[in-house]
Amino acid sequence: MQEGLKREIITTSDGSTTIHFPDLDEHYHSKHGAINEAKHVFIKHGFDYILDSKKNLDLAILEIGFGTGLNAFISCLEAQRVNQKVNYVGVEAYPVQTEEIKKLNYIEVLGEQKHQELFDLMHGSSWETMNIISSLFSLTKKKQFFEDIEDKNCFNLIYFDAFGARVQPELWGVTIFKKMYEALENGGVLVTYAAKGSVRRAMQEVGFVVERLPGPPGKREMLRATKNI
């Protein structure tokens, strides 16, 4: 879907950058703040939330839309901060090019210059194999369409960060959410920036218990879905 589309680097409201597709009026991250969105949706309501019930266990995370690697990088930093072992799988059908990654300013805005090597290692590591990024964080990047995911009962947490339903409605229906439900272990959680009623109903149809939560800057709500035990 992204092939042949114009791409540009823009600065979002919190000073962090993202990639914008002007022909679609779509972004990899929220224009209201890429870093703020990642921390609010995926760390606060995903990573930190699941750790409350999974203390002392390795955490397995699946990201739907690896994109710029921002969510993975912030998760790696969080793993270091709380001394939590994380096995992270990022799925991306259209990997971001190296020259675009170099133009992103996440290291500077986060004030994490001391962890530049971790960020570089994430993006320089091989696809389709597990890479040890730090003693606490492993990363497997998969070049894969979301509809081809066949994992079963593998993950504690899913970051669902696909392009929005306005642009790719097929990614936000029952077929994909059934795959997400099956990929989670019992009690596992999926978090997403989306809050549309049709998305919530599709999640519920496959068995998720869905919560509406306060959204990140620029959005009134987001969704968190839990796989029934």
C-alpha atoms as a PDB file:
ATOM      1  CA  MET A   1       0.000   0.000   0.000  1.00  0.00           C
ATOM      2  CA  GLN A   2       2.882   2.384   0.754  1.00  0.00           C
ATOM      3  CA  GLU A   3       4.844   1.660  -2.409  1.00  0.00           C
ATOM      4  CA  GLY A   4       5.136   4.645  -4.714  1.00  0.00           C
ATOM      5  CA  LEU A   5       3.576   7.104  -2.258  1.00  0.00           C
ATOM      6  CA  LYS A   6       5.265  10.393  -1.416  1.00  0.00           C
ATOM      7  CA  ARG A   7       6.850  10.379   2.057  1.00  0.00           C
ATOM      8  CA  GLU A   8       8.133  13.270   4.159  1.00  0.00           C
ATOM      9  CA  ILE A   9       9.572  13.764   7.623  1.00  0.00           C
ATOM     10  CA  ILE A  10       7.502  16.158   9.752  1.00  0.00           C
ATOM     11  CA  THR A  11       7.796  17.433  13.317  1.00  0.00           C
ATOM     12  CA  THR A  12       4.892  16.614  15.646  1.00  0.00           C
ATOM     13  CA  SER A  13       3.541  18.747  18.482  1.00  0.00           C
ATOM     14  CA  ASP A  14       5.921  17.389  21.147  1.00  0.00           C
ATOM     15  CA  GLY A  15       8.969  18.138  18.979  1.00  0.00           C
ATOM     16  CA  SER A  16       9.523  14.546  17.857  1.00  0.00           C
ATOM     17  CA  THR A  17       9.457  13.588  14.195  1.00  0.00           C
ATOM     18  CA  THR A  18       7.420  11.098  12.205  1.00  0.00           C
ATOM     19  CA  ILE A  19       6.880  10.043   8.608  1.00  0.00           C
ATOM     20  CA  HIS A  20       3.922  11.596   6.799  1.00  0.00           C
ATOM     21  CA  PHE A  21       2.157  10.389   3.640  1.00  0.00           C
ATOM     22  CA  PRO A  22       0.612  13.590   2.233  1.00  0.00           C
ATOM     23  CA  ASP A  23      -1.410  11.784  -0.455  1.00  0.00           C
ATOM     24  CA  LEU A  24      -3.176   9.801   2.291  1.00  0.00           C
ATOM     25  CA  ASP A  25      -2.953  12.456   5.010  1.00  0.00           C
ATOM     26  CA  GLU A  26      -1.657   9.654   7.250  1.00  0.00           C
ATOM     27  CA  HIS A  27       1.285   9.441   9.652  1.00  0.00           C
ATOM     28  CA  TYR A  28       3.288   6.697  11.308  1.00  0.00           C
ATOM     29  CA  HIS A  29       2.650   8.430  14.654  1.00  0.00           C
ATOM     30  CA  SER A  30       0.259  11.053  15.947  1.00  0.00           C
ATOM     31  CA  LYS A  31       0.849  14.574  14.652  1.00  0.00           C
ATOM     32  CA  HIS A  32      -0.050  15.682  18.179  1.00  0.00           C
ATOM     33  CA  GLY A  33       3.147  14.078  19.496  1.00  0.00           C
ATOM     34  CA  ALA A  34       4.863  10.883  18.351  1.00  0.00           C
ATOM     35  CA  ILE A  35       6.693  10.240  21.612  1.00  0.00           C
ATOM     36  CA  ASN A  36       3.759  11.309  23.775  1.00  0.00           C
ATOM     37  CA  GLU A  37       1.485   8.874  21.935  1.00  0.00           C
ATOM     38  CA  ALA A  38       3.965   5.986  22.263  1.00  0.00           C
ATOM     39  CA  LYS A  39       4.413   6.540  25.994  1.00  0.00           C
ATOM     40  CA  HIS A  40       0.711   6.964  26.720  1.00  0.00           C
ATOM     41  CA  VAL A  41      -0.806   4.208  24.590  1.00  0.00           C
ATOM     42  CA  PHE A  42       1.846   1.515  24.495  1.00  0.00           C
ATOM     43  CA  ILE A  43       3.909   2.036  27.654  1.00  0.00           C
ATOM     44  CA  LYS A  44       1.473   3.401  30.250  1.00  0.00           C
ATOM     45  CA  HIS A  45      -1.599   1.408  29.201  1.00  0.00           C
ATOM     46  CA  GLY A  46       0.239  -1.613  27.781  1.00  0.00           C
ATOM     47  CA  PHE A  47       3.748  -2.322  29.055  1.00  0.00           C
ATOM     48  CA  ASP A  48       3.324  -0.920  32.576  1.00  0.00           C
ATOM     49  CA  TYR A  49      -0.202  -2.292  32.902  1.00  0.00           C
ATOM     50  CA  ILE A  50       0.691  -5.881  31.971  1.00  0.00           C
ATOM     51  CA  LEU A  51       3.727  -5.876  34.272  1.00  0.00           C
ATOM     52  CA  ASP A  52       1.450  -5.412  37.261  1.00  0.00           C
ATOM     53  CA  SER A  53       0.198  -8.983  36.677  1.00  0.00           C
ATOM     54  CA  LYS A  54       3.357 -10.484  35.114  1.00  0.00           C
ATOM     55  CA  LYS A  55       6.035  -9.516  37.598  1.00  0.00           C
ATOM     56  CA  ASN A  56       9.240 -11.573  37.419  1.00  0.00           C
ATOM     57  CA  LEU A  57       8.209 -13.210  34.132  1.00  0.00           C
ATOM     58  CA  ASP A  58       9.725 -12.623  30.714  1.00  0.00           C
ATOM     59  CA  LEU A  59       7.457 -10.363  28.687  1.00  0.00           C
ATOM     60  CA  ALA A  60       6.643 -11.270  25.072  1.00  0.00           C
ATOM     61  CA  ILE A  61       5.467  -8.328  22.940  1.00  0.00           C
ATOM     62  CA  LEU A  62       4.144  -8.327  19.367  1.00  0.00           C
ATOM     63  CA  GLU A  63       4.067  -5.011  17.545  1.00  0.00           C
ATOM     64  CA  ILE A  64       1.754  -4.663  14.567  1.00  0.00           C
ATOM     65  CA  GLY A  65       3.511  -1.988  12.518  1.00  0.00           C
ATOM     66  CA  PHE A  66       7.200  -1.801  13.533  1.00  0.00           C
ATOM     67  CA  GLY A  67       7.562   1.324  11.397  1.00  0.00           C
ATOM     68  CA  THR A  68      10.167   3.766  12.705  1.00  0.00           C
ATOM     69  CA  GLY A  69      11.049   1.549  15.671  1.00  0.00           C
ATOM     70  CA  LEU A  70       9.938   4.214  18.164  1.00  0.00           C
ATOM     71  CA  ASN A  71       7.677   1.921  20.192  1.00  0.00           C
ATOM     72  CA  ALA A  72      10.352  -0.769  20.301  1.00  0.00           C
ATOM     73  CA  PHE A  73      13.039   1.686  21.372  1.00  0.00           C
ATOM     74  CA  ILE A  74      10.953   3.192  24.171  1.00  0.00           C
ATOM     75  CA  SER A  75      10.022  -0.329  25.302  1.00  0.00           C
ATOM     76  CA  CYS A  76      13.714  -1.231  25.380  1.00  0.00           C
ATOM     77  CA  LEU A  77      14.443   1.829  27.518  1.00  0.00           C
ATOM     78  CA  GLU A  78      11.573   0.890  29.828  1.00  0.00           C
ATOM     79  CA  ALA A  79      12.897  -2.673  30.129  1.00  0.00           C
ATOM     80  CA  GLN A  80      16.268  -1.265  31.208  1.00  0.00           C
ATOM     81  CA  ARG A  81      14.608   1.087  33.696  1.00  0.00           C
ATOM     82  CA  VAL A  82      12.557  -1.588  35.477  1.00  0.00           C
ATOM     83  CA  ASN A  83      14.985  -4.493  34.927  1.00  0.00           C
ATOM     84  CA  GLN A  84      12.452  -6.490  32.913  1.00  0.00           C
ATOM     85  CA  LYS A  85      13.376  -9.098  30.311  1.00  0.00           C
ATOM     86  CA  VAL A  86      11.494  -8.572  27.046  1.00  0.00           C
ATOM     87  CA  ASN A  87      11.243 -10.641  23.873  1.00  0.00           C
ATOM     88  CA  TYR A  88       9.955  -8.254  21.204  1.00  0.00           C
ATOM     89  CA  VAL A  89       8.614  -9.144  17.754  1.00  0.00           C
ATOM     90  CA  GLY A  90       7.952  -6.323  15.291  1.00  0.00           C
ATOM     91  CA  VAL A  91       5.973  -7.027  12.113  1.00  0.00           C
ATOM     92  CA  GLU A  92       6.325  -4.651   9.173  1.00  0.00           C
ATOM     93  CA  ALA A  93       5.439  -5.273   5.535  1.00  0.00           C
ATOM     94  CA  TYR A  94       7.247  -2.140   4.284  1.00  0.00           C
ATOM     95  CA  PRO A  95      10.434  -1.508   6.314  1.00  0.00           C
ATOM     96  CA  VAL A  96      11.476   2.126   6.715  1.00  0.00           C
ATOM     97  CA  GLN A  97      14.619   2.995   4.774  1.00  0.00           C
ATOM     98  CA  THR A  98      17.902   3.716   6.556  1.00  0.00           C
ATOM     99  CA  GLU A  99      18.123   7.261   5.189  1.00  0.00           C
ATOM    100  CA  GLU A 100      14.734   8.063   6.744  1.00  0.00           C
ATOM    101  CA  ILE A 101      15.696   6.563  10.111  1.00  0.00           C
ATOM    102  CA  LYS A 102      18.736   8.860  10.232  1.00  0.00           C
ATOM    103  CA  LYS A 103      16.446  11.898   9.940  1.00  0.00           C
ATOM    104  CA  LEU A 104      14.335  10.977  12.973  1.00  0.00           C
ATOM    105  CA  ASN A 105      15.132  12.812  16.212  1.00  0.00           C
ATOM    106  CA  TYR A 106      13.884  10.421  18.890  1.00  0.00           C
ATOM    107  CA  ILE A 107      17.257  10.112  20.621  1.00  0.00           C
ATOM    108  CA  GLU A 108      17.575  13.872  21.023  1.00  0.00           C
ATOM    109  CA  VAL A 109      13.977  14.550  22.125  1.00  0.00           C
ATOM    110  CA  LEU A 110      14.067  11.677  24.629  1.00  0.00           C
ATOM    111  CA  GLY A 111      17.456  12.849  25.920  1.00  0.00           C
ATOM    112  CA  GLU A 112      18.812   9.306  25.481  1.00  0.00           C
ATOM    113  CA  GLN A 113      22.077   9.994  23.659  1.00  0.00           C
ATOM    114  CA  LYS A 114      23.760   7.421  25.866  1.00  0.00           C
ATOM    115  CA  HIS A 115      21.538   4.781  24.248  1.00  0.00           C
ATOM    116  CA  GLN A 116      22.220   5.738  20.628  1.00  0.00           C
ATOM    117  CA  GLU A 117      23.952   2.379  20.179  1.00  0.00           C
ATOM    118  CA  LEU A 118      20.779   0.494  21.142  1.00  0.00           C
ATOM    119  CA  PHE A 119      18.717   2.446  18.603  1.00  0.00           C
ATOM    120  CA  ASP A 120      21.301   1.881  15.884  1.00  0.00           C
ATOM    121  CA  LEU A 121      21.509  -1.820  16.727  1.00  0.00           C
ATOM    122  CA  MET A 122      17.730  -2.204  16.446  1.00  0.00           C
ATOM    123  CA  HIS A 123      17.694  -0.737  12.955  1.00  0.00           C
ATOM    124  CA  GLY A 124      20.932  -2.338  11.812  1.00  0.00           C
ATOM    125  CA  SER A 125      20.013  -5.825  12.975  1.00  0.00           C
ATOM    126  CA  SER A 126      18.945  -8.592  10.603  1.00  0.00           C
ATOM    127  CA  TRP A 127      15.342  -9.338   9.717  1.00  0.00           C
ATOM    128  CA  GLU A 128      13.730 -12.741  10.298  1.00  0.00           C
ATOM    129  CA  THR A 129      16.061 -13.669  13.174  1.00  0.00           C
ATOM    130  CA  MET A 130      16.271 -12.954  16.895  1.00  0.00           C
ATOM    131  CA  ASN A 131      18.752 -10.196  17.722  1.00  0.00           C
ATOM    132  CA  ILE A 132      20.085  -9.544  21.226  1.00  0.00           C
ATOM    133  CA  ILE A 133      19.863  -5.776  21.667  1.00  0.00           C
ATOM    134  CA  SER A 134      20.763  -5.787  25.360  1.00  0.00           C
ATOM    135  CA  SER A 135      20.941  -8.287  28.198  1.00  0.00           C
ATOM    136  CA  LEU A 136      17.230  -7.627  28.809  1.00  0.00           C
ATOM    137  CA  PHE A 137      15.853  -7.030  25.317  1.00  0.00           C
ATOM    138  CA  SER A 138      15.719  -9.260  22.240  1.00  0.00           C
ATOM    139  CA  LEU A 139      14.220  -8.131  18.939  1.00  0.00           C
ATOM    140  CA  THR A 140      12.889 -10.132  16.007  1.00  0.00           C
ATOM    141  CA  LYS A 141      11.837  -8.066  12.990  1.00  0.00           C
ATOM    142  CA  LYS A 142       9.544  -9.819  10.519  1.00  0.00           C
ATOM    143  CA  LYS A 143       8.790  -8.540   7.024  1.00  0.00           C
ATOM    144  CA  GLN A 144       5.250  -9.815   6.860  1.00  0.00           C
ATOM    145  CA  PHE A 145       1.700  -8.782   6.035  1.00  0.00           C
ATOM    146  CA  PHE A 146      -0.491  -8.754   9.120  1.00  0.00           C
ATOM    147  CA  GLU A 147      -2.986 -11.162   7.592  1.00  0.00           C
ATOM    148  CA  ASP A 148      -0.201 -13.760   7.339  1.00  0.00           C
ATOM    149  CA  ILE A 149       0.460 -13.875  11.085  1.00  0.00           C
ATOM    150  CA  GLU A 150      -0.158 -17.382  12.417  1.00  0.00           C
ATOM    151  CA  ASP A 151       1.236 -17.227  15.988  1.00  0.00           C
ATOM    152  CA  LYS A 152      -0.784 -19.018  18.665  1.00  0.00           C
ATOM    153  CA  ASN A 153      -0.742 -18.270  22.406  1.00  0.00           C
ATOM    154  CA  CYS A 154       2.700 -16.632  22.161  1.00  0.00           C
ATOM    155  CA  PHE A 155       2.410 -13.091  23.496  1.00  0.00           C
ATOM    156  CA  ASN A 156       1.481 -11.271  26.687  1.00  0.00           C
ATOM    157  CA  LEU A 157       1.018  -7.944  24.949  1.00  0.00           C
ATOM    158  CA  ILE A 158       0.257  -6.613  21.468  1.00  0.00           C
ATOM    159  CA  TYR A 159       0.952  -3.058  20.349  1.00  0.00           C
ATOM    160  CA  PHE A 160      -1.550  -2.570  17.518  1.00  0.00           C
ATOM    161  CA  ASP A 161      -0.109   0.400  15.631  1.00  0.00           C
ATOM    162  CA  ALA A 162      -1.283  -0.110  12.057  1.00  0.00           C
ATOM    163  CA  PHE A 163      -2.332   2.712   9.748  1.00  0.00           C
ATOM    164  CA  GLY A 164      -5.777   3.991  10.694  1.00  0.00           C
ATOM    165  CA  ALA A 165      -9.074   2.452   9.644  1.00  0.00           C
ATOM    166  CA  ARG A 166      -9.806   5.434   7.377  1.00  0.00           C
ATOM    167  CA  VAL A 167      -6.804   4.438   5.239  1.00  0.00           C
ATOM    168  CA  GLN A 168      -6.708   0.652   5.686  1.00  0.00           C
ATOM    169  CA  PRO A 169     -10.081  -0.530   7.022  1.00  0.00           C
ATOM    170  CA  GLU A 170      -9.211  -4.172   6.264  1.00  0.00           C
ATOM    171  CA  LEU A 171      -6.666  -4.125   9.101  1.00  0.00           C
ATOM    172  CA  TRP A 172      -9.291  -3.221  11.694  1.00  0.00           C
ATOM    173  CA  GLY A 173     -11.894  -5.940  11.188  1.00  0.00           C
ATOM    174  CA  VAL A 174     -12.787  -9.338  12.582  1.00  0.00           C
ATOM    175  CA  THR A 175     -10.291 -11.274  10.451  1.00  0.00           C
ATOM    176  CA  ILE A 176      -7.214  -9.483  11.802  1.00  0.00           C
ATOM    177  CA  PHE A 177      -8.459  -9.246  15.380  1.00  0.00           C
ATOM    178  CA  LYS A 178      -9.156 -12.978  15.414  1.00  0.00           C
ATOM    179  CA  LYS A 179      -5.471 -13.494  14.578  1.00  0.00           C
ATOM    180  CA  MET A 180      -4.517 -11.093  17.372  1.00  0.00           C
ATOM    181  CA  TYR A 181      -6.750 -12.926  19.843  1.00  0.00           C
ATOM    182  CA  GLU A 182      -5.167 -16.251  18.908  1.00  0.00           C
ATOM    183  CA  ALA A 183      -1.635 -14.829  19.137  1.00  0.00           C
ATOM    184  CA  LEU A 184      -2.144 -13.763  22.760  1.00  0.00           C
ATOM    185  CA  GLU A 185      -1.865 -16.071  25.719  1.00  0.00           C
ATOM    186  CA  ASN A 186      -4.862 -16.216  28.075  1.00  0.00           C
ATOM    187  CA  GLY A 187      -5.125 -12.938  29.935  1.00  0.00           C
ATOM    188  CA  GLY A 188      -3.000 -11.185  27.324  1.00  0.00           C
ATOM    189  CA  VAL A 189      -3.665  -7.592  26.332  1.00  0.00           C
ATOM    190  CA  LEU A 190      -3.844  -5.601  23.096  1.00  0.00           C
ATOM    191  CA  VAL A 191      -3.545  -1.801  23.163  1.00  0.00           C
ATOM    192  CA  THR A 192      -4.162   0.634  20.321  1.00  0.00           C
ATOM    193  CA  TYR A 193      -4.582   4.350  19.750  1.00  0.00           C
ATOM    194  CA  ALA A 194      -7.865   3.667  17.906  1.00  0.00           C
ATOM    195  CA  ALA A 195     -11.278   4.127  19.503  1.00  0.00           C
ATOM    196  CA  LYS A 196     -13.829   3.782  16.677  1.00  0.00           C
ATOM    197  CA  GLY A 197     -17.009   1.918  17.544  1.00  0.00           C
ATOM    198  CA  SER A 198     -16.554  -0.436  14.601  1.00  0.00           C
ATOM    199  CA  VAL A 199     -13.066  -1.379  15.863  1.00  0.00           C
ATOM    200  CA  ARG A 200     -14.354  -2.018  19.368  1.00  0.00           C
ATOM    201  CA  ARG A 201     -17.192  -4.181  18.062  1.00  0.00           C
ATOM    202  CA  ALA A 202     -14.827  -6.228  15.884  1.00  0.00           C
ATOM    203  CA  MET A 203     -12.630  -6.884  18.925  1.00  0.00           C
ATOM    204  CA  GLN A 204     -15.630  -7.931  21.008  1.00  0.00           C
ATOM    205  CA  GLU A 205     -16.903 -10.233  18.252  1.00  0.00           C
ATOM    206  CA  VAL A 206     -13.737 -12.368  18.426  1.00  0.00           C
ATOM    207  CA  GLY A 207     -13.877 -12.604  22.221  1.00  0.00           C
ATOM    208  CA  PHE A 208     -11.971  -9.628  23.586  1.00  0.00           C
ATOM    209  CA  VAL A 209     -13.141  -7.733  26.655  1.00  0.00           C
ATOM    210  CA  VAL A 210     -12.643  -4.111  25.595  1.00  0.00           C
ATOM    211  CA  GLU A 211     -12.062  -1.000  27.694  1.00  0.00           C
ATOM    212  CA  ARG A 212     -12.234   2.599  26.594  1.00  0.00           C
ATOM    213  CA  LEU A 213      -9.407   4.599  28.167  1.00  0.00           C
ATOM    214  CA  PRO A 214      -8.396   8.272  28.010  1.00  0.00           C
ATOM    215  CA  GLY A 215      -6.488   8.833  24.787  1.00  0.00           C
ATOM    216  CA  PRO A 216      -3.120  10.473  24.142  1.00  0.00           C
ATOM    217  CA  PRO A 217      -2.891  14.182  23.250  1.00  0.00           C
ATOM    218  CA  GLY A 218      -5.248  14.941  20.371  1.00  0.00           C
ATOM    219  CA  LYS A 219      -7.511  11.929  20.981  1.00  0.00           C
ATOM    220  CA  ARG A 220     -10.357  11.633  23.453  1.00  0.00           C
ATOM    221  CA  GLU A 221     -10.147   7.828  23.835  1.00  0.00           C
ATOM    222  CA  MET A 222      -8.088   4.717  23.056  1.00  0.00           C
ATOM    223  CA  LEU A 223      -8.835   1.004  23.432  1.00  0.00           C
ATOM    224  CA  ARG A 224      -7.389  -1.802  25.515  1.00  0.00           C
ATOM    225  CA  ALA A 225      -8.591  -5.349  24.816  1.00  0.00           C
ATOM    226  CA  THR A 226      -8.017  -8.393  27.043  1.00  0.00           C
ATOM    227  CA  LYS A 227      -8.227 -12.033  26.007  1.00  0.00           C
ATOM    228  CA  ASN A 228     -10.692 -13.843  28.236  1.00  0.00           C
ATOM    229  CA  ILE A 229      -9.233 -16.544  30.467  1.00  0.00           C
END
